[in-house]
Amino acid sequence: MSDPKTAPLCPLCQRPIPADAPQSLHHLIPKLKGGKGGPTVLLHHICHREVHATLTEAELARDYTTPEALRAHPRLAKFFAWVAKRPPGFASKVPGKRRKR
């Protein structure tokens, strides 16, 4: 297990991302909306899944192109506050499609 003091921080939940924890890169501008090759951020996989379960690609491209904007979304803010109380390597199933269309 990696040292939590040197592990990168998830910009959404602010917990360290241990090397052995599920993690993924999030394109700040979705690839389908012109973000291929654009800036990415390393996230806990559970945080990344919650972002995509909550927001459409169009919403992400239009209004949520920064970690700060994602943290400000009401439902995501509630989730990140909840998951921040969990250990850095915490992983859980995120229910599928919860977006309202």
PDB file of N, CA and C in Angstrom:
ATOM      1  N   MET A   1       0.848  -1.190   0.000  1.00  0.00           N
ATOM      2  CA  MET A   1       0.000   0.000   0.000  1.00  0.00           C
ATOM      3  C   MET A   1       0.888   1.245   0.000  1.00  0.00           C
ATOM      4  N   SER A   2       0.512   2.244  -0.762  1.00  0.00           N
ATOM      5  CA  SER A   2       1.335   3.448  -0.857  1.00  0.00           C
ATOM      6  C   SER A   2       1.155   4.329   0.379  1.00  0.00           C
ATOM      7  N   ASP A   3       2.110   5.205   0.573  1.00  0.00           N
ATOM      8  CA  ASP A   3       2.084   6.127   1.709  1.00  0.00           C
ATOM      9  C   ASP A   3       1.046   7.217   1.430  1.00  0.00           C
ATOM     10  N   PRO A   4       0.032   7.368   2.308  1.00  0.00           N
ATOM     11  CA  PRO A   4      -1.007   8.383   2.066  1.00  0.00           C
ATOM     12  C   PRO A   4      -0.451   9.798   1.993  1.00  0.00           C
ATOM     13  N   LYS A   5       0.721  10.027   2.581  1.00  0.00           N
ATOM     14  CA  LYS A   5       1.302  11.376   2.549  1.00  0.00           C
ATOM     15  C   LYS A   5       1.842  11.728   1.168  1.00  0.00           C
ATOM     16  N   THR A   6       2.203  10.716   0.362  1.00  0.00           N
ATOM     17  CA  THR A   6       2.752  10.985  -0.966  1.00  0.00           C
ATOM     18  C   THR A   6       1.769  10.644  -2.080  1.00  0.00           C
ATOM     19  N   ALA A   7       0.650  10.017  -1.738  1.00  0.00           N
ATOM     20  CA  ALA A   7      -0.348   9.658  -2.751  1.00  0.00           C
ATOM     21  C   ALA A   7      -1.014  10.928  -3.275  1.00  0.00           C
ATOM     22  N   PRO A   8      -1.369  10.938  -4.573  1.00  0.00           N
ATOM     23  CA  PRO A   8      -2.082  12.113  -5.098  1.00  0.00           C
ATOM     24  C   PRO A   8      -3.438  12.245  -4.419  1.00  0.00           C
ATOM     25  N   LEU A   9      -3.947  13.467  -4.362  1.00  0.00           N
ATOM     26  CA  LEU A   9      -5.265  13.720  -3.768  1.00  0.00           C
ATOM     27  C   LEU A   9      -6.330  13.743  -4.859  1.00  0.00           C
ATOM     28  N   CYS A  10      -7.461  13.157  -4.549  1.00  0.00           N
ATOM     29  CA  CYS A  10      -8.612  13.248  -5.447  1.00  0.00           C
ATOM     30  C   CYS A  10      -9.132  14.679  -5.345  1.00  0.00           C
ATOM     31  N   PRO A  11      -9.229  15.407  -6.455  1.00  0.00           N
ATOM     32  CA  PRO A  11      -9.688  16.799  -6.387  1.00  0.00           C
ATOM     33  C   PRO A  11     -11.177  16.932  -6.038  1.00  0.00           C
ATOM     34  N   LEU A  12     -11.902  15.831  -6.005  1.00  0.00           N
ATOM     35  CA  LEU A  12     -13.325  15.903  -5.691  1.00  0.00           C
ATOM     36  C   LEU A  12     -13.604  15.618  -4.223  1.00  0.00           C
ATOM     37  N   CYS A  13     -13.112  14.494  -3.701  1.00  0.00           N
ATOM     38  CA  CYS A  13     -13.396  14.155  -2.295  1.00  0.00           C
ATOM     39  C   CYS A  13     -12.258  14.549  -1.369  1.00  0.00           C
ATOM     40  N   GLN A  14     -11.126  14.956  -1.933  1.00  0.00           N
ATOM     41  CA  GLN A  14      -9.955  15.424  -1.181  1.00  0.00           C
ATOM     42  C   GLN A  14      -9.254  14.323  -0.382  1.00  0.00           C
ATOM     43  N   ARG A  15      -9.564  13.036  -0.672  1.00  0.00           N
ATOM     44  CA  ARG A  15      -8.862  11.932  -0.012  1.00  0.00           C
ATOM     45  C   ARG A  15      -7.665  11.534  -0.858  1.00  0.00           C
ATOM     46  N   PRO A  16      -6.613  10.979  -0.215  1.00  0.00           N
ATOM     47  CA  PRO A  16      -5.488  10.437  -0.996  1.00  0.00           C
ATOM     48  C   PRO A  16      -5.969   9.293  -1.880  1.00  0.00           C
ATOM     49  N   ILE A  17      -5.298   9.106  -3.011  1.00  0.00           N
ATOM     50  CA  ILE A  17      -5.609   8.005  -3.916  1.00  0.00           C
ATOM     51  C   ILE A  17      -4.451   7.011  -3.836  1.00  0.00           C
ATOM     52  N   PRO A  18      -4.555   5.970  -3.005  1.00  0.00           N
ATOM     53  CA  PRO A  18      -3.477   4.985  -2.909  1.00  0.00           C
ATOM     54  C   PRO A  18      -3.268   4.282  -4.252  1.00  0.00           C
ATOM     55  N   ALA A  19      -2.043   3.849  -4.502  1.00  0.00           N
ATOM     56  CA  ALA A  19      -1.719   3.195  -5.770  1.00  0.00           C
ATOM     57  C   ALA A  19      -2.563   1.954  -6.004  1.00  0.00           C
ATOM     58  N   ASP A  20      -2.967   1.279  -4.924  1.00  0.00           N
ATOM     59  CA  ASP A  20      -3.739   0.045  -5.077  1.00  0.00           C
ATOM     60  C   ASP A  20      -5.259   0.277  -5.047  1.00  0.00           C
ATOM     61  N   ALA A  21      -5.690   1.517  -4.969  1.00  0.00           N
ATOM     62  CA  ALA A  21      -7.127   1.828  -4.956  1.00  0.00           C
ATOM     63  C   ALA A  21      -7.636   1.969  -6.388  1.00  0.00           C
ATOM     64  N   PRO A  22      -8.904   1.596  -6.630  1.00  0.00           N
ATOM     65  CA  PRO A  22      -9.478   1.819  -7.962  1.00  0.00           C
ATOM     66  C   PRO A  22      -9.447   3.312  -8.295  1.00  0.00           C
ATOM     67  N   GLN A  23      -8.900   3.642  -9.447  1.00  0.00           N
ATOM     68  CA  GLN A  23      -8.745   5.039  -9.847  1.00  0.00           C
ATOM     69  C   GLN A  23      -8.932   5.163 -11.349  1.00  0.00           C
ATOM     70  N   SER A  24      -9.213   6.373 -11.803  1.00  0.00           N
ATOM     71  CA  SER A  24      -9.375   6.592 -13.235  1.00  0.00           C
ATOM     72  C   SER A  24      -9.131   8.056 -13.567  1.00  0.00           C
ATOM     73  N   LEU A  25      -8.846   8.293 -14.851  1.00  0.00           N
ATOM     74  CA  LEU A  25      -8.650   9.653 -15.342  1.00  0.00           C
ATOM     75  C   LEU A  25      -9.975  10.191 -15.858  1.00  0.00           C
ATOM     76  N   HIS A  26     -10.278  11.415 -15.461  1.00  0.00           N
ATOM     77  CA  HIS A  26     -11.503  12.076 -15.919  1.00  0.00           C
ATOM     78  C   HIS A  26     -11.116  13.198 -16.871  1.00  0.00           C
ATOM     79  N   HIS A  27     -11.686  13.184 -18.069  1.00  0.00           N
ATOM     80  CA  HIS A  27     -11.476  14.279 -19.021  1.00  0.00           C
ATOM     81  C   HIS A  27     -12.355  15.452 -18.579  1.00  0.00           C
ATOM     82  N   LEU A  28     -11.747  16.594 -18.317  1.00  0.00           N
ATOM     83  CA  LEU A  28     -12.518  17.755 -17.857  1.00  0.00           C
ATOM     84  C   LEU A  28     -13.513  18.217 -18.906  1.00  0.00           C
ATOM     85  N   ILE A  29     -13.173  18.052 -20.168  1.00  0.00           N
ATOM     86  CA  ILE A  29     -14.135  18.250 -21.261  1.00  0.00           C
ATOM     87  C   ILE A  29     -14.313  16.860 -21.867  1.00  0.00           C
ATOM     88  N   PRO A  30     -15.526  16.327 -21.879  1.00  0.00           N
ATOM     89  CA  PRO A  30     -15.730  14.965 -22.385  1.00  0.00           C
ATOM     90  C   PRO A  30     -15.140  14.767 -23.775  1.00  0.00           C
ATOM     91  N   LYS A  31     -14.566  13.592 -23.993  1.00  0.00           N
ATOM     92  CA  LYS A  31     -13.956  13.281 -25.281  1.00  0.00           C
ATOM     93  C   LYS A  31     -14.959  13.443 -26.416  1.00  0.00           C
ATOM     94  N   LEU A  32     -16.204  13.052 -26.183  1.00  0.00           N
ATOM     95  CA  LEU A  32     -17.224  13.159 -27.223  1.00  0.00           C
ATOM     96  C   LEU A  32     -17.610  14.608 -27.528  1.00  0.00           C
ATOM     97  N   LYS A  33     -17.204  15.527 -26.670  1.00  0.00           N
ATOM     98  CA  LYS A  33     -17.528  16.945 -26.847  1.00  0.00           C
ATOM     99  C   LYS A  33     -16.273  17.764 -27.144  1.00  0.00           C
ATOM    100  N   GLY A  34     -15.246  17.125 -27.705  1.00  0.00           N
ATOM    101  CA  GLY A  34     -14.046  17.840 -28.120  1.00  0.00           C
ATOM    102  C   GLY A  34     -12.904  17.813 -27.125  1.00  0.00           C
ATOM    103  N   GLY A  35     -13.007  17.022 -26.075  1.00  0.00           N
ATOM    104  CA  GLY A  35     -11.972  17.007 -25.054  1.00  0.00           C
ATOM    105  C   GLY A  35     -10.885  15.967 -25.234  1.00  0.00           C
ATOM    106  N   LYS A  36     -10.902  15.216 -26.332  1.00  0.00           N
ATOM    107  CA  LYS A  36      -9.868  14.214 -26.554  1.00  0.00           C
ATOM    108  C   LYS A  36      -8.510  14.911 -26.613  1.00  0.00           C
ATOM    109  N   GLY A  37      -7.590  14.463 -25.805  1.00  0.00           N
ATOM    110  CA  GLY A  37      -6.273  15.095 -25.748  1.00  0.00           C
ATOM    111  C   GLY A  37      -6.250  16.301 -24.828  1.00  0.00           C
ATOM    112  N   GLY A  38      -7.389  16.643 -24.239  1.00  0.00           N
ATOM    113  CA  GLY A  38      -7.474  17.790 -23.339  1.00  0.00           C
ATOM    114  C   GLY A  38      -7.059  17.432 -21.920  1.00  0.00           C
ATOM    115  N   PRO A  39      -7.232  18.359 -20.987  1.00  0.00           N
ATOM    116  CA  PRO A  39      -6.795  18.133 -19.612  1.00  0.00           C
ATOM    117  C   PRO A  39      -7.597  17.033 -18.912  1.00  0.00           C
ATOM    118  N   THR A  40      -6.892  16.268 -18.086  1.00  0.00           N
ATOM    119  CA  THR A  40      -7.522  15.211 -17.297  1.00  0.00           C
ATOM    120  C   THR A  40      -7.119  15.376 -15.834  1.00  0.00           C
ATOM    121  N   VAL A  41      -7.915  14.767 -14.957  1.00  0.00           N
ATOM    122  CA  VAL A  41      -7.579  14.728 -13.531  1.00  0.00           C
ATOM    123  C   VAL A  41      -7.728  13.290 -13.047  1.00  0.00           C
ATOM    124  N   LEU A  42      -6.861  12.884 -12.137  1.00  0.00           N
ATOM    125  CA  LEU A  42      -6.926  11.560 -11.544  1.00  0.00           C
ATOM    126  C   LEU A  42      -7.937  11.581 -10.413  1.00  0.00           C
ATOM    127  N   LEU A  43      -8.883  10.633 -10.445  1.00  0.00           N
ATOM    128  CA  LEU A  43      -9.948  10.565  -9.447  1.00  0.00           C
ATOM    129  C   LEU A  43     -10.031   9.148  -8.879  1.00  0.00           C
ATOM    130  N   HIS A  44     -10.618   9.041  -7.684  1.00  0.00           N
ATOM    131  CA  HIS A  44     -11.033   7.721  -7.221  1.00  0.00           C
ATOM    132  C   HIS A  44     -12.069   7.236  -8.226  1.00  0.00           C
ATOM    133  N   HIS A  45     -12.061   5.952  -8.498  1.00  0.00           N
ATOM    134  CA  HIS A  45     -13.027   5.423  -9.462  1.00  0.00           C
ATOM    135  C   HIS A  45     -14.465   5.663  -8.979  1.00  0.00           C
ATOM    136  N   ILE A  46     -14.700   5.547  -7.678  1.00  0.00           N
ATOM    137  CA  ILE A  46     -16.054   5.755  -7.143  1.00  0.00           C
ATOM    138  C   ILE A  46     -16.516   7.200  -7.373  1.00  0.00           C
ATOM    139  N   CYS A  47     -15.606   8.155  -7.254  1.00  0.00           N
ATOM    140  CA  CYS A  47     -15.953   9.565  -7.503  1.00  0.00           C
ATOM    141  C   CYS A  47     -16.249   9.777  -8.992  1.00  0.00           C
ATOM    142  N   HIS A  48     -15.430   9.166  -9.850  1.00  0.00           N
ATOM    143  CA  HIS A  48     -15.604   9.292 -11.291  1.00  0.00           C
ATOM    144  C   HIS A  48     -16.947   8.690 -11.715  1.00  0.00           C
ATOM    145  N   ARG A  49     -17.277   7.522 -11.182  1.00  0.00           N
ATOM    146  CA  ARG A  49     -18.548   6.884 -11.512  1.00  0.00           C
ATOM    147  C   ARG A  49     -19.721   7.754 -11.091  1.00  0.00           C
ATOM    148  N   GLU A  50     -19.622   8.383  -9.928  1.00  0.00           N
ATOM    149  CA  GLU A  50     -20.720   9.220  -9.444  1.00  0.00           C
ATOM    150  C   GLU A  50     -20.918  10.438 -10.355  1.00  0.00           C
ATOM    151  N   VAL A  51     -19.825  11.022 -10.836  1.00  0.00           N
ATOM    152  CA  VAL A  51     -19.922  12.166 -11.761  1.00  0.00           C
ATOM    153  C   VAL A  51     -20.728  11.757 -12.990  1.00  0.00           C
ATOM    154  N   HIS A  52     -20.374  10.605 -13.579  1.00  0.00           N
ATOM    155  CA  HIS A  52     -21.043  10.188 -14.815  1.00  0.00           C
ATOM    156  C   HIS A  52     -22.436   9.621 -14.567  1.00  0.00           C
ATOM    157  N   ALA A  53     -22.730   9.164 -13.351  1.00  0.00           N
ATOM    158  CA  ALA A  53     -24.082   8.721 -13.016  1.00  0.00           C
ATOM    159  C   ALA A  53     -25.007   9.920 -12.817  1.00  0.00           C
ATOM    160  N   THR A  54     -24.422  11.073 -12.521  1.00  0.00           N
ATOM    161  CA  THR A  54     -25.203  12.274 -12.208  1.00  0.00           C
ATOM    162  C   THR A  54     -25.400  13.191 -13.405  1.00  0.00           C
ATOM    163  N   LEU A  55     -24.358  13.366 -14.206  1.00  0.00           N
ATOM    164  CA  LEU A  55     -24.383  14.381 -15.266  1.00  0.00           C
ATOM    165  C   LEU A  55     -24.228  13.769 -16.652  1.00  0.00           C
ATOM    166  N   THR A  56     -24.878  14.384 -17.629  1.00  0.00           N
ATOM    167  CA  THR A  56     -24.720  13.961 -19.019  1.00  0.00           C
ATOM    168  C   THR A  56     -23.420  14.542 -19.569  1.00  0.00           C
ATOM    169  N   GLU A  57     -23.000  14.000 -20.711  1.00  0.00           N
ATOM    170  CA  GLU A  57     -21.797  14.534 -21.376  1.00  0.00           C
ATOM    171  C   GLU A  57     -22.006  16.010 -21.730  1.00  0.00           C
ATOM    172  N   ALA A  58     -23.202  16.358 -22.184  1.00  0.00           N
ATOM    173  CA  ALA A  58     -23.493  17.752 -22.551  1.00  0.00           C
ATOM    174  C   ALA A  58     -23.404  18.662 -21.327  1.00  0.00           C
ATOM    175  N   GLU A  59     -23.957  18.220 -20.195  1.00  0.00           N
ATOM    176  CA  GLU A  59     -23.876  19.025 -18.964  1.00  0.00           C
ATOM    177  C   GLU A  59     -22.430  19.194 -18.520  1.00  0.00           C
ATOM    178  N   LEU A  60     -21.660  18.101 -18.597  1.00  0.00           N
ATOM    179  CA  LEU A  60     -20.243  18.182 -18.218  1.00  0.00           C
ATOM    180  C   LEU A  60     -19.509  19.187 -19.104  1.00  0.00           C
ATOM    181  N   ALA A  61     -19.725  19.115 -20.405  1.00  0.00           N
ATOM    182  CA  ALA A  61     -19.032  20.011 -21.337  1.00  0.00           C
ATOM    183  C   ALA A  61     -19.460  21.464 -21.161  1.00  0.00           C
ATOM    184  N   ARG A  62     -20.736  21.674 -20.860  1.00  0.00           N
ATOM    185  CA  ARG A  62     -21.272  23.032 -20.775  1.00  0.00           C
ATOM    186  C   ARG A  62     -20.973  23.707 -19.431  1.00  0.00           C
ATOM    187  N   ASP A  63     -21.190  22.988 -18.325  1.00  0.00           N
ATOM    188  CA  ASP A  63     -21.173  23.654 -17.025  1.00  0.00           C
ATOM    189  C   ASP A  63     -20.189  23.109 -15.991  1.00  0.00           C
ATOM    190  N   TYR A  64     -19.589  21.953 -16.251  1.00  0.00           N
ATOM    191  CA  TYR A  64     -18.798  21.296 -15.201  1.00  0.00           C
ATOM    192  C   TYR A  64     -17.420  20.891 -15.706  1.00  0.00           C
ATOM    193  N   THR A  65     -16.635  21.866 -16.144  1.00  0.00           N
ATOM    194  CA  THR A  65     -15.327  21.585 -16.740  1.00  0.00           C
ATOM    195  C   THR A  65     -14.163  21.752 -15.753  1.00  0.00           C
ATOM    196  N   THR A  66     -14.475  21.938 -14.475  1.00  0.00           N
ATOM    197  CA  THR A  66     -13.423  22.045 -13.457  1.00  0.00           C
ATOM    198  C   THR A  66     -13.817  21.208 -12.241  1.00  0.00           C
ATOM    199  N   PRO A  67     -12.825  20.752 -11.464  1.00  0.00           N
ATOM    200  CA  PRO A  67     -13.163  20.050 -10.219  1.00  0.00           C
ATOM    201  C   PRO A  67     -14.006  20.921  -9.290  1.00  0.00           C
ATOM    202  N   GLU A  68     -13.759  22.223  -9.263  1.00  0.00           N
ATOM    203  CA  GLU A  68     -14.515  23.144  -8.402  1.00  0.00           C
ATOM    204  C   GLU A  68     -15.990  23.170  -8.794  1.00  0.00           C
ATOM    205  N   ALA A  69     -16.251  23.204 -10.090  1.00  0.00           N
ATOM    206  CA  ALA A  69     -17.638  23.201 -10.564  1.00  0.00           C
ATOM    207  C   ALA A  69     -18.327  21.882 -10.214  1.00  0.00           C
ATOM    208  N   LEU A  70     -17.613  20.768 -10.353  1.00  0.00           N
ATOM    209  CA  LEU A  70     -18.192  19.471  -9.996  1.00  0.00           C
ATOM    210  C   LEU A  70     -18.512  19.415  -8.507  1.00  0.00           C
ATOM    211  N   ARG A  71     -17.602  19.915  -7.674  1.00  0.00           N
ATOM    212  CA  ARG A  71     -17.831  19.909  -6.221  1.00  0.00           C
ATOM    213  C   ARG A  71     -19.001  20.803  -5.833  1.00  0.00           C
ATOM    214  N   ALA A  72     -19.325  21.806  -6.652  1.00  0.00           N
ATOM    215  CA  ALA A  72     -20.408  22.740  -6.346  1.00  0.00           C
ATOM    216  C   ALA A  72     -21.786  22.182  -6.720  1.00  0.00           C
ATOM    217  N   HIS A  73     -21.834  21.133  -7.526  1.00  0.00           N
ATOM    218  CA  HIS A  73     -23.122  20.543  -7.904  1.00  0.00           C
ATOM    219  C   HIS A  73     -23.765  19.973  -6.639  1.00  0.00           C
ATOM    220  N   PRO A  74     -25.031  20.307  -6.352  1.00  0.00           N
ATOM    221  CA  PRO A  74     -25.648  19.909  -5.074  1.00  0.00           C
ATOM    222  C   PRO A  74     -25.584  18.411  -4.762  1.00  0.00           C
ATOM    223  N   ARG A  75     -25.966  17.582  -5.703  1.00  0.00           N
ATOM    224  CA  ARG A  75     -25.959  16.146  -5.414  1.00  0.00           C
ATOM    225  C   ARG A  75     -24.538  15.602  -5.290  1.00  0.00           C
ATOM    226  N   LEU A  76     -23.634  16.078  -6.160  1.00  0.00           N
ATOM    227  CA  LEU A  76     -22.252  15.616  -6.084  1.00  0.00           C
ATOM    228  C   LEU A  76     -21.599  16.090  -4.788  1.00  0.00           C
ATOM    229  N   ALA A  77     -21.896  17.318  -4.371  1.00  0.00           N
ATOM    230  CA  ALA A  77     -21.323  17.841  -3.124  1.00  0.00           C
ATOM    231  C   ALA A  77     -21.714  16.948  -1.950  1.00  0.00           C
ATOM    232  N   LYS A  78     -22.961  16.527  -1.930  1.00  0.00           N
ATOM    233  CA  LYS A  78     -23.436  15.648  -0.863  1.00  0.00           C
ATOM    234  C   LYS A  78     -22.691  14.308  -0.909  1.00  0.00           C
ATOM    235  N   PHE A  79     -22.526  13.753  -2.102  1.00  0.00           N
ATOM    236  CA  PHE A  79     -21.806  12.488  -2.244  1.00  0.00           C
ATOM    237  C   PHE A  79     -20.347  12.631  -1.812  1.00  0.00           C
ATOM    238  N   PHE A  80     -19.668  13.687  -2.277  1.00  0.00           N
ATOM    239  CA  PHE A  80     -18.249  13.851  -1.938  1.00  0.00           C
ATOM    240  C   PHE A  80     -18.055  14.048  -0.441  1.00  0.00           C
ATOM    241  N   ALA A  81     -18.986  14.741   0.215  1.00  0.00           N
ATOM    242  CA  ALA A  81     -18.910  14.905   1.670  1.00  0.00           C
ATOM    243  C   ALA A  81     -19.074  13.546   2.357  1.00  0.00           C
ATOM    244  N   TRP A  82     -19.970  12.709   1.832  1.00  0.00           N
ATOM    245  CA  TRP A  82     -20.186  11.375   2.399  1.00  0.00           C
ATOM    246  C   TRP A  82     -18.954  10.496   2.205  1.00  0.00           C
ATOM    247  N   VAL A  83     -18.443  10.448   0.981  1.00  0.00           N
ATOM    248  CA  VAL A  83     -17.327   9.546   0.687  1.00  0.00           C
ATOM    249  C   VAL A  83     -16.030  10.031   1.345  1.00  0.00           C
ATOM    250  N   ALA A  84     -15.926  11.316   1.618  1.00  0.00           N
ATOM    251  CA  ALA A  84     -14.713  11.856   2.263  1.00  0.00           C
ATOM    252  C   ALA A  84     -14.503  11.260   3.656  1.00  0.00           C
ATOM    253  N   LYS A  85     -15.571  10.749   4.251  1.00  0.00           N
ATOM    254  CA  LYS A  85     -15.475  10.138   5.590  1.00  0.00           C
ATOM    255  C   LYS A  85     -15.024   8.683   5.519  1.00  0.00           C
ATOM    256  N   ARG A  86     -14.884   8.143   4.329  1.00  0.00           N
ATOM    257  CA  ARG A  86     -14.470   6.759   4.134  1.00  0.00           C
ATOM    258  C   ARG A  86     -12.960   6.668   3.985  1.00  0.00           C
ATOM    259  N   PRO A  87     -12.380   5.466   4.186  1.00  0.00           N
ATOM    260  CA  PRO A  87     -10.933   5.300   3.994  1.00  0.00           C
ATOM    261  C   PRO A  87     -10.541   5.592   2.545  1.00  0.00           C
ATOM    262  N   PRO A  88      -9.285   5.991   2.304  1.00  0.00           N
ATOM    263  CA  PRO A  88      -8.853   6.344   0.947  1.00  0.00           C
ATOM    264  C   PRO A  88      -9.074   5.249  -0.094  1.00  0.00           C
ATOM    265  N   GLY A  89      -8.970   3.994   0.291  1.00  0.00           N
ATOM    266  CA  GLY A  89      -9.145   2.909  -0.670  1.00  0.00           C
ATOM    267  C   GLY A  89     -10.570   2.411  -0.790  1.00  0.00           C
ATOM    268  N   PHE A  90     -11.524   3.087  -0.133  1.00  0.00           N
ATOM    269  CA  PHE A  90     -12.927   2.658  -0.143  1.00  0.00           C
ATOM    270  C   PHE A  90     -13.473   2.599  -1.563  1.00  0.00           C
ATOM    271  N   ALA A  91     -14.116   1.497  -1.864  1.00  0.00           N
ATOM    272  CA  ALA A  91     -14.763   1.348  -3.167  1.00  0.00           C
ATOM    273  C   ALA A  91     -16.104   0.674  -2.929  1.00  0.00           C
ATOM    274  N   SER A  92     -17.099   1.104  -3.638  1.00  0.00           N
ATOM    275  CA  SER A  92     -18.430   0.541  -3.512  1.00  0.00           C
ATOM    276  C   SER A  92     -19.101   0.655  -4.866  1.00  0.00           C
ATOM    277  N   LYS A  93     -20.072  -0.188  -5.095  1.00  0.00           N
ATOM    278  CA  LYS A  93     -20.819  -0.082  -6.345  1.00  0.00           C
ATOM    279  C   LYS A  93     -21.617   1.216  -6.350  1.00  0.00           C
ATOM    280  N   VAL A  94     -21.556   1.915  -7.435  1.00  0.00           N
ATOM    281  CA  VAL A  94     -22.389   3.099  -7.636  1.00  0.00           C
ATOM    282  C   VAL A  94     -23.551   2.633  -8.497  1.00  0.00           C
ATOM    283  N   PRO A  95     -24.765   2.852  -8.052  1.00  0.00           N
ATOM    284  CA  PRO A  95     -25.896   2.415  -8.876  1.00  0.00           C
ATOM    285  C   PRO A  95     -25.803   3.007 -10.275  1.00  0.00           C
ATOM    286  N   GLY A  96     -26.257   2.262 -11.256  1.00  0.00           N
ATOM    287  CA  GLY A  96     -26.229   2.726 -12.642  1.00  0.00           C
ATOM    288  C   GLY A  96     -27.133   3.918 -12.863  1.00  0.00           C
ATOM    289  N   LYS A  97     -27.346   4.237 -14.077  1.00  0.00           N
ATOM    290  CA  LYS A  97     -28.101   5.393 -14.559  1.00  0.00           C
ATOM    291  C   LYS A  97     -29.069   5.997 -13.537  1.00  0.00           C
ATOM    292  N   ARG A  98     -28.682   7.139 -12.968  1.00  0.00           N
ATOM    293  CA  ARG A  98     -29.573   7.825 -12.037  1.00  0.00           C
ATOM    294  C   ARG A  98     -29.936   9.201 -12.548  1.00  0.00           C
ATOM    295  N   ARG A  99     -29.452   9.559 -13.721  1.00  0.00           N
ATOM    296  CA  ARG A  99     -29.768  10.879 -14.271  1.00  0.00           C
ATOM    297  C   ARG A  99     -31.242  10.970 -14.597  1.00  0.00           C
ATOM    298  N   LYS A 100     -31.787  12.149 -14.410  1.00  0.00           N
ATOM    299  CA  LYS A 100     -33.159  12.411 -14.847  1.00  0.00           C
ATOM    300  C   LYS A 100     -33.075  12.990 -16.246  1.00  0.00           C
ATOM    301  N   ARG A 101     -33.786  12.409 -17.140  1.00  0.00           N
ATOM    302  CA  ARG A 101     -33.730  12.887 -18.536  1.00  0.00           C
ATOM    303  C   ARG A 101     -34.948  13.694 -18.876  1.00  0.00           C
TER     304      ARG A 101
END
